[in-house]
Amino acid sequence: MERVFKLVIAYDGTDFHGWQAQPGLRTVQGELQQACTRLLRRPVELVGASRTDAGVHARGQAAHLRADCAIPAESLPRAIGARLPPDVAVLEARPVGPDFHATRSACAKLYRYTIYNSHRPPVERLLQRYAWHVWYPLELERMRAAAELLLGRHDFAGFANQGAVRESTVRTIHRVGIERHGEQVLIDVEGDGFLYNQVRVTVGTLVEVGRGHWPPERVAEILDRCDRRLAGPTAPAHGLCLQWVRYALNRKSDDGA
């Protein structure tokens, strides 16, 4: 009998060509589907909540597994994990209803971006795989003032790169938190969904504000004009990590960040 399971997955994205399965390339989805196929001895359907890019990490990626499977949900993480490489793991699994969809059923996601803000290289702290090295000083209060302008429901076309086609570029940002912990600046962006590279472009823009290159009000101009050329650079992929995906029974999102 076919069943549906919600999986929570963690991975170090450094050596993956992103989440989505691609012929001839090593991807997170590809590794997971191979492991599940070997376990269940039949093809499976595995759909992720976010199609993270090459180099992007995850602590709490979500996916649904649809398969004819008699294995108890609590045993799946270990059973699948025994067939996975060391840079990806299934943290938990639980049965869900047949209508559950990891992408469309998501109502909120949190991404964290890590900046190593020091004149010294991040390898000193073994963070070179997980943080963007920004050597010039950043003024966090300026960045926070700019981030406040992102909150709420807006057309974020100016903060998205060309990528997957979306019916709408309108999204809602619930929270942008910016904190310093020693040399690390952590930027948390929580929203109902994200456009292609939206978080990385947002970070690149906030860094330009934080270094004094632009005033915080530049964010409002980008939102108003929906012009990607006005926004900052796309921050490197290796500083980004998907922290969690939240679901509610009666809310759905069209996200594909």
Protein backbone atom coordinates (compact mmCIF):
# COMPACT_ATOMS: atom_id res chain seq x y z
CA MET A 1 0.00 0.00 0.00
CA GLU A 2 1.34 3.41 -0.98
CA ARG A 3 2.12 5.73 1.94
CA VAL A 4 3.42 9.29 2.23
CA PHE A 5 6.17 10.29 4.68
CA LYS A 6 7.47 13.74 5.57
CA LEU A 7 11.26 13.71 5.91
CA VAL A 8 13.55 16.29 7.54
CA ILE A 9 16.98 16.31 5.90
CA ALA A 10 20.36 17.91 6.62
CA TYR A 11 23.26 18.22 4.20
CA ASP A 12 26.56 19.94 3.57
CA GLY A 13 25.98 21.37 0.11
CA THR A 14 29.66 21.93 -0.73
CA ASP A 15 30.09 18.90 -2.97
CA PHE A 16 26.58 18.79 -4.39
CA HIS A 17 25.25 20.38 -7.58
CA GLY A 18 22.23 21.56 -5.62
CA TRP A 19 19.11 19.74 -4.49
CA GLN A 20 17.37 18.84 -7.73
CA ALA A 21 18.26 15.58 -9.50
CA GLN A 22 20.18 16.15 -12.74
CA PRO A 23 21.58 13.53 -15.11
CA GLY A 24 25.29 12.95 -14.61
CA LEU A 25 25.58 15.29 -11.61
CA ARG A 26 25.75 14.57 -7.89
CA THR A 27 22.72 16.13 -6.19
CA VAL A 28 21.02 15.75 -2.82
CA GLN A 29 17.72 14.58 -4.30
CA GLY A 30 19.60 12.13 -6.51
CA GLU A 31 21.49 10.58 -3.57
CA LEU A 32 18.31 10.29 -1.51
CA GLN A 33 16.29 8.72 -4.31
CA GLN A 34 19.05 6.19 -4.97
CA ALA A 35 19.20 5.29 -1.27
CA CYS A 36 15.41 4.91 -1.03
CA THR A 37 15.29 2.86 -4.22
CA ARG A 38 17.94 0.49 -2.88
CA LEU A 39 16.10 0.21 0.44
CA LEU A 40 12.63 -0.40 -1.01
CA ARG A 41 13.77 -2.16 -4.20
CA ARG A 42 11.45 -0.11 -6.36
CA PRO A 43 11.37 3.45 -7.78
CA VAL A 44 10.14 6.14 -5.38
CA GLU A 45 8.88 9.72 -5.61
CA LEU A 46 10.83 12.19 -3.46
CA VAL A 47 9.93 15.89 -3.59
CA GLY A 48 11.79 18.61 -1.68
CA ALA A 49 10.43 21.81 -0.18
CA SER A 50 13.23 23.95 -1.62
CA ARG A 51 15.41 23.49 -4.68
CA THR A 52 18.58 24.76 -3.04
CA ASP A 53 21.42 25.75 -5.38
CA ALA A 54 24.86 24.20 -5.68
CA GLY A 55 26.83 24.90 -2.52
CA VAL A 56 23.83 25.80 -0.34
CA HIS A 57 23.50 23.84 2.92
CA ALA A 58 20.51 22.67 4.95
CA ARG A 59 19.83 21.84 8.58
CA GLY A 60 16.10 21.35 8.06
CA GLN A 61 15.20 20.71 4.44
CA ALA A 62 11.81 19.00 4.14
CA ALA A 63 10.71 16.45 1.58
CA HIS A 64 7.91 14.00 1.05
CA LEU A 65 8.47 10.38 0.14
CA ARG A 66 5.65 8.59 -1.66
CA ALA A 67 6.18 4.84 -1.86
CA ASP A 68 4.83 1.39 -1.20
CA CYS A 69 6.60 1.00 2.14
CA ALA A 70 5.85 -1.19 5.15
CA ILE A 71 8.81 0.08 7.22
CA PRO A 72 7.72 2.01 10.35
CA ALA A 73 8.31 5.76 10.06
CA GLU A 74 10.60 5.83 13.12
CA SER A 75 12.90 3.29 11.44
CA LEU A 76 13.23 5.12 8.12
CA PRO A 77 15.95 7.65 9.10
CA ARG A 78 18.34 4.89 10.09
CA ALA A 79 17.38 2.61 7.20
CA ILE A 80 17.79 5.32 4.56
CA GLY A 81 20.82 6.81 6.31
CA ALA A 82 22.72 3.52 6.14
CA ARG A 83 22.67 3.92 2.35
CA LEU A 84 23.63 7.61 2.23
CA PRO A 85 27.03 9.32 1.97
CA PRO A 86 28.32 11.18 5.06
CA ASP A 87 27.39 14.68 3.81
CA VAL A 88 23.60 14.07 3.85
CA ALA A 89 21.33 12.64 6.54
CA VAL A 90 17.65 12.01 7.19
CA LEU A 91 16.97 13.43 10.64
CA GLU A 92 13.35 12.36 11.05
CA ALA A 93 10.41 10.81 9.24
CA ARG A 94 6.71 10.75 10.00
CA PRO A 95 3.60 9.61 8.14
CA VAL A 96 1.40 12.33 6.63
CA GLY A 97 -1.83 12.42 4.69
CA PRO A 98 -2.03 11.64 0.96
CA ASP A 99 -2.57 15.32 0.09
CA PHE A 100 0.64 16.50 1.78
CA HIS A 101 3.11 18.10 -0.63
CA ALA A 102 6.52 19.26 0.63
CA THR A 103 6.60 22.28 -1.67
CA ARG A 104 2.98 23.39 -2.00
CA SER A 105 1.97 22.71 1.62
CA ALA A 106 4.79 24.84 3.11
CA CYS A 107 3.66 28.05 4.81
CA ALA A 108 7.01 29.44 6.04
CA LYS A 109 10.77 28.91 5.69
CA LEU A 110 13.81 30.25 7.44
CA TYR A 111 17.15 30.74 5.72
CA ARG A 112 20.28 31.79 7.61
CA TYR A 113 23.19 33.49 5.91
CA THR A 114 26.59 33.55 7.64
CA ILE A 115 29.14 36.29 6.99
CA TYR A 116 32.66 36.10 8.41
CA ASN A 117 33.33 39.80 9.03
CA SER A 118 37.02 40.09 9.75
CA HIS A 119 40.27 41.07 8.05
CA ARG A 120 41.50 37.56 8.90
CA PRO A 121 40.38 34.65 6.65
CA PRO A 122 37.58 32.32 7.83
CA VAL A 123 39.84 29.26 7.52
CA GLU A 124 41.26 30.36 10.87
CA ARG A 125 37.95 29.12 12.35
CA LEU A 126 37.41 26.40 9.71
CA LEU A 127 34.41 28.36 8.40
CA GLN A 128 35.55 28.78 4.80
CA ARG A 129 32.93 26.27 3.58
CA TYR A 130 30.04 27.89 5.46
CA ALA A 131 30.58 31.67 5.53
CA TRP A 132 31.15 34.53 3.10
CA HIS A 133 34.34 36.40 3.95
CA VAL A 134 33.56 40.14 4.05
CA TRP A 135 36.71 41.87 5.24
CA TYR A 136 35.49 45.48 5.41
CA PRO A 137 33.59 46.66 8.53
CA LEU A 138 29.80 46.37 8.48
CA GLU A 139 27.46 48.74 10.35
CA LEU A 140 24.66 46.48 11.55
CA GLU A 141 22.30 49.30 12.49
CA ARG A 142 22.29 50.52 8.89
CA MET A 143 21.63 46.96 7.73
CA ARG A 144 18.77 46.57 10.22
CA ALA A 145 17.19 49.83 9.04
CA ALA A 146 17.32 48.54 5.46
CA ALA A 147 15.95 45.15 6.49
CA GLU A 148 12.90 46.77 8.11
CA LEU A 149 11.83 47.97 4.68
CA LEU A 150 11.68 44.37 3.44
CA LEU A 151 9.06 43.27 5.95
CA GLY A 152 5.54 42.58 4.75
CA ARG A 153 4.08 41.63 1.39
CA HIS A 154 5.87 43.11 -1.63
CA ASP A 155 6.79 42.43 -5.21
CA PHE A 156 10.37 41.15 -4.84
CA ALA A 157 11.20 41.02 -8.56
CA GLY A 158 14.10 43.43 -7.94
CA PHE A 159 15.66 40.95 -5.52
CA ALA A 160 15.45 37.87 -7.78
CA ASN A 161 17.77 36.57 -10.45
CA GLN A 162 16.55 35.02 -13.67
CA GLY A 163 15.62 31.42 -12.96
CA ALA A 164 12.53 29.30 -12.55
CA VAL A 165 9.41 30.98 -13.95
CA ARG A 166 6.87 32.05 -11.33
CA GLU A 167 3.28 33.13 -11.83
CA SER A 168 3.84 35.88 -9.26
CA THR A 169 6.89 37.61 -7.80
CA VAL A 170 4.94 38.75 -4.74
CA ARG A 171 6.07 37.23 -1.45
CA THR A 172 5.74 37.99 2.28
CA ILE A 173 8.77 38.45 4.53
CA HIS A 174 7.90 37.86 8.18
CA ARG A 175 11.25 38.61 9.79
CA VAL A 176 14.81 39.64 9.02
CA GLY A 177 17.16 39.25 11.98
CA ILE A 178 20.74 40.52 11.90
CA GLU A 179 23.07 39.66 14.78
CA ARG A 180 26.81 39.65 15.38
CA HIS A 181 28.55 36.84 17.24
CA GLY A 182 32.26 37.65 17.34
CA GLU A 183 33.49 37.71 13.75
CA GLN A 184 30.27 36.18 12.43
CA VAL A 185 27.28 38.19 11.23
CA LEU A 186 24.16 36.04 11.01
CA ILE A 187 21.27 37.15 8.79
CA ASP A 188 18.01 35.23 9.25
CA VAL A 189 15.30 35.70 6.62
CA GLU A 190 11.89 34.15 7.27
CA GLY A 191 9.09 34.27 4.72
CA ASP A 192 6.20 32.44 3.16
CA GLY A 193 8.28 31.67 0.07
CA PHE A 194 11.25 32.92 -1.92
CA LEU A 195 12.13 33.67 -5.52
CA TYR A 196 15.26 32.40 -7.24
CA ASN A 197 18.34 33.66 -5.31
CA GLN A 198 16.14 36.11 -3.38
CA VAL A 199 17.86 35.58 -0.03
CA ARG A 200 21.34 35.78 -1.53
CA VAL A 201 20.52 39.00 -3.42
CA THR A 202 18.99 40.40 -0.24
CA VAL A 203 22.19 39.66 1.67
CA GLY A 204 24.33 41.20 -1.05
CA THR A 205 22.20 44.34 -0.91
CA LEU A 206 22.32 44.55 2.89
CA VAL A 207 26.12 44.23 2.78
CA GLU A 208 26.32 47.18 0.38
CA VAL A 209 24.25 49.19 2.87
CA GLY A 210 26.31 47.96 5.83
CA ARG A 211 29.61 48.99 4.26
CA GLY A 212 28.24 52.51 3.66
CA HIS A 213 28.02 52.20 -0.13
CA TRP A 214 24.24 52.79 -0.18
CA PRO A 215 21.72 54.34 2.23
CA PRO A 216 19.13 52.02 3.81
CA GLU A 217 16.42 53.68 1.67
CA ARG A 218 17.92 51.99 -1.39
CA VAL A 219 15.83 48.92 -0.46
CA ALA A 220 12.59 50.86 -0.87
CA GLU A 221 13.72 52.04 -4.31
CA ILE A 222 14.49 48.47 -5.42
CA LEU A 223 11.08 47.29 -4.25
CA ASP A 224 9.31 50.20 -5.92
CA ARG A 225 11.06 49.87 -9.29
CA CYS A 226 11.33 46.04 -9.37
CA ASP A 227 14.72 46.43 -11.06
CA ARG A 228 17.33 43.76 -10.29
CA ARG A 229 20.08 46.07 -11.58
CA LEU A 230 19.55 48.36 -8.59
CA ALA A 231 20.15 45.62 -6.02
CA GLY A 232 23.44 44.32 -4.70
CA PRO A 233 25.49 41.32 -5.82
CA THR A 234 24.33 37.76 -5.31
CA ALA A 235 26.06 36.60 -2.14
CA PRO A 236 28.03 33.33 -2.52
CA ALA A 237 26.03 30.13 -2.12
CA HIS A 238 28.22 28.57 0.57
CA GLY A 239 27.11 31.06 3.24
CA LEU A 240 23.43 30.07 2.95
CA CYS A 241 21.67 27.40 4.98
CA LEU A 242 18.00 26.34 5.02
CA GLN A 243 17.18 26.13 8.73
CA TRP A 244 13.59 24.84 8.68
CA VAL A 245 10.33 24.57 6.75
CA ARG A 246 7.03 25.03 8.57
CA TYR A 247 3.70 23.50 7.64
CA ALA A 248 0.07 24.10 8.61
CA LEU A 249 -2.93 22.05 7.58
CA ASN A 250 -4.84 24.91 6.05
CA ARG A 251 -2.08 27.03 4.52
CA LYS A 252 -0.19 26.53 1.29
CA SER A 253 2.67 28.27 -0.48
CA ASP A 254 3.94 28.24 -4.05
CA ASP A 255 7.59 28.41 -3.06
CA GLY A 256 10.53 27.10 -5.01
CA ALA A 257 13.47 29.09 -3.61
